[in-house]
């Protein structure tokens, strides 16, 4: 089902500041105080989620299912990072985005991100079934 207005070409931009909690050293993904790859990916997912949120019904959300990005350059503490997301494909509930993070003229990272539109009630029912089948500590 194609959502009205949800079509390729839609874009979103957010600006973030690299803080200590976003660094590789803090997150344990590296030993330096620069933007961590997991934090950059989180920002790319957030930018994409925010792009499509207004097109969804109240009982719907999107969930990330795939990320394929390159982290190309470091972003030091306190630097401003601009994150862009462009919706490039709508295939039913599947949404594909081109994502990019940069500071000034320097590309920090870029790649692709995929999300799916889910019915929250159905999704949470599935989560509960999975939870029940797992051995919970």
C-alpha atoms as a PDB file:
ATOM      1  CA  UNK A   1       0.000   0.000   0.000  1.00  0.00           C
ATOM      2  CA  UNK A   2       1.492   3.318  -1.075  1.00  0.00           C
ATOM      3  CA  UNK A   3       0.981   6.170   1.370  1.00  0.00           C
ATOM      4  CA  UNK A   4      -0.287   9.386  -0.167  1.00  0.00           C
ATOM      5  CA  UNK A   5       2.575  11.846  -0.595  1.00  0.00           C
ATOM      6  CA  UNK A   6       5.240   9.286   0.316  1.00  0.00           C
ATOM      7  CA  UNK A   7       7.333   9.212  -2.841  1.00  0.00           C
ATOM      8  CA  UNK A   8      10.944   9.201  -4.019  1.00  0.00           C
ATOM      9  CA  UNK A   9      12.616  12.584  -3.927  1.00  0.00           C
ATOM     10  CA  UNK A  10      11.518  13.559  -0.411  1.00  0.00           C
ATOM     11  CA  UNK A  11      14.434  14.910   1.649  1.00  0.00           C
ATOM     12  CA  UNK A  12      15.213  15.737   5.247  1.00  0.00           C
ATOM     13  CA  UNK A  13      18.159  17.443   6.941  1.00  0.00           C
ATOM     14  CA  UNK A  14      19.149  17.528  10.608  1.00  0.00           C
ATOM     15  CA  UNK A  15      22.179  19.107  12.275  1.00  0.00           C
ATOM     16  CA  UNK A  16      23.912  17.478  15.232  1.00  0.00           C
ATOM     17  CA  UNK A  17      26.839  18.432  17.458  1.00  0.00           C
ATOM     18  CA  UNK A  18      29.415  15.799  18.349  1.00  0.00           C
ATOM     19  CA  UNK A  19      29.367  15.432  22.135  1.00  0.00           C
ATOM     20  CA  UNK A  20      31.348  13.048  24.341  1.00  0.00           C
ATOM     21  CA  UNK A  21      28.501  10.500  24.369  1.00  0.00           C
ATOM     22  CA  UNK A  22      28.753  10.278  20.552  1.00  0.00           C
ATOM     23  CA  UNK A  23      32.470   9.434  20.480  1.00  0.00           C
ATOM     24  CA  UNK A  24      34.117   6.140  19.661  1.00  0.00           C
ATOM     25  CA  UNK A  25      35.971   6.254  22.979  1.00  0.00           C
ATOM     26  CA  UNK A  26      32.751   6.673  24.981  1.00  0.00           C
ATOM     27  CA  UNK A  27      30.800   4.030  23.057  1.00  0.00           C
ATOM     28  CA  UNK A  28      33.663   1.538  23.039  1.00  0.00           C
ATOM     29  CA  UNK A  29      33.877   1.253  19.269  1.00  0.00           C
ATOM     30  CA  UNK A  30      37.339   2.843  19.223  1.00  0.00           C
ATOM     31  CA  UNK A  31      39.801   4.645  21.425  1.00  0.00           C
ATOM     32  CA  UNK A  32      39.548   8.205  20.150  1.00  0.00           C
ATOM     33  CA  UNK A  33      37.317  11.177  20.842  1.00  0.00           C
ATOM     34  CA  UNK A  34      35.757  11.493  17.396  1.00  0.00           C
ATOM     35  CA  UNK A  35      32.277  10.705  16.121  1.00  0.00           C
ATOM     36  CA  UNK A  36      31.660   6.975  16.448  1.00  0.00           C
ATOM     37  CA  UNK A  37      30.307   5.046  13.494  1.00  0.00           C
ATOM     38  CA  UNK A  38      27.325   3.753  15.557  1.00  0.00           C
ATOM     39  CA  UNK A  39      26.404   7.344  16.494  1.00  0.00           C
ATOM     40  CA  UNK A  40      26.638   8.483  12.865  1.00  0.00           C
ATOM     41  CA  UNK A  41      24.383   5.607  11.821  1.00  0.00           C
ATOM     42  CA  UNK A  42      21.897   6.498  14.562  1.00  0.00           C
ATOM     43  CA  UNK A  43      21.717  10.045  13.207  1.00  0.00           C
ATOM     44  CA  UNK A  44      21.178   8.737   9.666  1.00  0.00           C
ATOM     45  CA  UNK A  45      18.358   6.488  10.893  1.00  0.00           C
ATOM     46  CA  UNK A  46      16.805   9.345  12.867  1.00  0.00           C
ATOM     47  CA  UNK A  47      16.907  11.671   9.859  1.00  0.00           C
ATOM     48  CA  UNK A  48      15.231   9.017   7.691  1.00  0.00           C
ATOM     49  CA  UNK A  49      12.592   8.184  10.319  1.00  0.00           C
ATOM     50  CA  UNK A  50      11.705  11.840  10.770  1.00  0.00           C
ATOM     51  CA  UNK A  51      11.409  12.269   6.990  1.00  0.00           C
ATOM     52  CA  UNK A  52       8.540   9.786   6.661  1.00  0.00           C
ATOM     53  CA  UNK A  53       6.862  10.031  10.080  1.00  0.00           C
ATOM     54  CA  UNK A  54       4.299  12.653   9.014  1.00  0.00           C
ATOM     55  CA  UNK A  55       3.026  10.377   6.231  1.00  0.00           C
ATOM     56  CA  UNK A  56       2.135   7.528   8.597  1.00  0.00           C
ATOM     57  CA  UNK A  57      -1.114   6.730  10.369  1.00  0.00           C
ATOM     58  CA  UNK A  58      -1.225   6.977  14.168  1.00  0.00           C
ATOM     59  CA  UNK A  59      -0.934   3.190  14.510  1.00  0.00           C
ATOM     60  CA  UNK A  60       2.142   2.984  12.246  1.00  0.00           C
ATOM     61  CA  UNK A  61       5.872   3.477  12.649  1.00  0.00           C
ATOM     62  CA  UNK A  62       8.993   2.612  10.701  1.00  0.00           C
ATOM     63  CA  UNK A  63      11.723   0.237  11.787  1.00  0.00           C
ATOM     64  CA  UNK A  64      15.239   0.109  10.447  1.00  0.00           C
ATOM     65  CA  UNK A  65      16.133  -3.149   8.716  1.00  0.00           C
ATOM     66  CA  UNK A  66      19.375  -2.498   6.835  1.00  0.00           C
ATOM     67  CA  UNK A  67      22.271  -0.052   6.841  1.00  0.00           C
ATOM     68  CA  UNK A  68      25.124   0.030   4.333  1.00  0.00           C
ATOM     69  CA  UNK A  69      27.332   3.056   4.968  1.00  0.00           C
ATOM     70  CA  UNK A  70      30.952   4.070   4.780  1.00  0.00           C
ATOM     71  CA  UNK A  71      32.494   6.181   7.545  1.00  0.00           C
ATOM     72  CA  UNK A  72      34.928   8.250   5.494  1.00  0.00           C
ATOM     73  CA  UNK A  73      36.338  10.961   7.761  1.00  0.00           C
ATOM     74  CA  UNK A  74      36.542  11.808  11.458  1.00  0.00           C
ATOM     75  CA  UNK A  75      34.385  14.461  13.080  1.00  0.00           C
ATOM     76  CA  UNK A  76      36.009  15.871  16.234  1.00  0.00           C
ATOM     77  CA  UNK A  77      34.308  16.772  19.504  1.00  0.00           C
ATOM     78  CA  UNK A  78      32.093  19.886  19.286  1.00  0.00           C
ATOM     79  CA  UNK A  79      31.918  19.794  15.491  1.00  0.00           C
ATOM     80  CA  UNK A  80      28.586  20.334  13.743  1.00  0.00           C
ATOM     81  CA  UNK A  81      27.522  17.474  11.490  1.00  0.00           C
ATOM     82  CA  UNK A  82      24.773  17.864   8.919  1.00  0.00           C
ATOM     83  CA  UNK A  83      22.871  14.680   8.127  1.00  0.00           C
ATOM     84  CA  UNK A  84      20.776  14.307   4.979  1.00  0.00           C
ATOM     85  CA  UNK A  85      18.326  11.613   4.003  1.00  0.00           C
ATOM     86  CA  UNK A  86      16.616  11.251   0.638  1.00  0.00           C
ATOM     87  CA  UNK A  87      13.867   8.736   0.013  1.00  0.00           C
ATOM     88  CA  UNK A  88      14.869   7.037  -3.238  1.00  0.00           C
ATOM     89  CA  UNK A  89      12.521   4.031  -3.373  1.00  0.00           C
ATOM     90  CA  UNK A  90       9.063   3.118  -2.092  1.00  0.00           C
ATOM     91  CA  UNK A  91       8.148  -0.539  -2.544  1.00  0.00           C
ATOM     92  CA  UNK A  92       4.958  -1.153  -0.559  1.00  0.00           C
ATOM     93  CA  UNK A  93       6.019  -1.001   3.080  1.00  0.00           C
ATOM     94  CA  UNK A  94       9.747  -0.999   2.182  1.00  0.00           C
ATOM     95  CA  UNK A  95      11.480   2.384   2.074  1.00  0.00           C
ATOM     96  CA  UNK A  96      15.029   2.940   0.800  1.00  0.00           C
ATOM     97  CA  UNK A  97      17.027   6.069   1.613  1.00  0.00           C
ATOM     98  CA  UNK A  98      20.287   7.591   0.409  1.00  0.00           C
ATOM     99  CA  UNK A  99      22.007   9.013   3.514  1.00  0.00           C
ATOM    100  CA  UNK A 100      24.952  11.347   3.982  1.00  0.00           C
ATOM    101  CA  UNK A 101      26.696  13.052   6.905  1.00  0.00           C
ATOM    102  CA  UNK A 102      29.072  15.965   6.357  1.00  0.00           C
ATOM    103  CA  UNK A 103      30.752  18.887   8.049  1.00  0.00           C
ATOM    104  CA  UNK A 104      31.474  21.808   5.782  1.00  0.00           C
ATOM    105  CA  UNK A 105      32.821  20.361   2.546  1.00  0.00           C
ATOM    106  CA  UNK A 106      33.998  17.134   4.209  1.00  0.00           C
ATOM    107  CA  UNK A 107      31.873  14.018   3.778  1.00  0.00           C
ATOM    108  CA  UNK A 108      31.921  12.177   7.098  1.00  0.00           C
ATOM    109  CA  UNK A 109      29.877   9.216   5.890  1.00  0.00           C
ATOM    110  CA  UNK A 110      27.447   8.110   3.219  1.00  0.00           C
ATOM    111  CA  UNK A 111      25.473   5.136   2.037  1.00  0.00           C
ATOM    112  CA  UNK A 112      22.054   3.513   2.019  1.00  0.00           C
ATOM    113  CA  UNK A 113      19.454   2.805   4.673  1.00  0.00           C
ATOM    114  CA  UNK A 114      16.277   0.703   4.547  1.00  0.00           C
ATOM    115  CA  UNK A 115      13.208   0.950   6.758  1.00  0.00           C
ATOM    116  CA  UNK A 116       9.821  -0.806   6.791  1.00  0.00           C
ATOM    117  CA  UNK A 117       6.444   0.628   7.706  1.00  0.00           C
ATOM    118  CA  UNK A 118       4.874  -1.495  10.433  1.00  0.00           C
ATOM    119  CA  UNK A 119       1.478  -1.640  12.085  1.00  0.00           C
ATOM    120  CA  UNK A 120       2.370  -1.035  15.741  1.00  0.00           C
ATOM    121  CA  UNK A 121      -0.229  -3.445  17.140  1.00  0.00           C
ATOM    122  CA  UNK A 122       0.874  -6.299  14.881  1.00  0.00           C
ATOM    123  CA  UNK A 123       4.533  -5.510  15.452  1.00  0.00           C
ATOM    124  CA  UNK A 124       4.236  -5.469  19.252  1.00  0.00           C
ATOM    125  CA  UNK A 125       2.226  -8.723  19.176  1.00  0.00           C
ATOM    126  CA  UNK A 126       5.106 -10.268  17.230  1.00  0.00           C
ATOM    127  CA  UNK A 127       7.612  -8.859  19.747  1.00  0.00           C
ATOM    128  CA  UNK A 128       5.660 -10.413  22.633  1.00  0.00           C
ATOM    129  CA  UNK A 129       5.584 -13.815  20.894  1.00  0.00           C
ATOM    130  CA  UNK A 130       9.320 -13.647  20.333  1.00  0.00           C
ATOM    131  CA  UNK A 131       9.866 -12.591  23.940  1.00  0.00           C
ATOM    132  CA  UNK A 132       7.821 -15.555  25.171  1.00  0.00           C
ATOM    133  CA  UNK A 133       9.849 -17.974  23.054  1.00  0.00           C
ATOM    134  CA  UNK A 134      13.167 -16.646  24.353  1.00  0.00           C
ATOM    135  CA  UNK A 135      14.760 -17.678  27.556  1.00  0.00           C
ATOM    136  CA  UNK A 136      14.548 -14.476  29.551  1.00  0.00           C
ATOM    137  CA  UNK A 137      17.212 -13.916  32.194  1.00  0.00           C
END
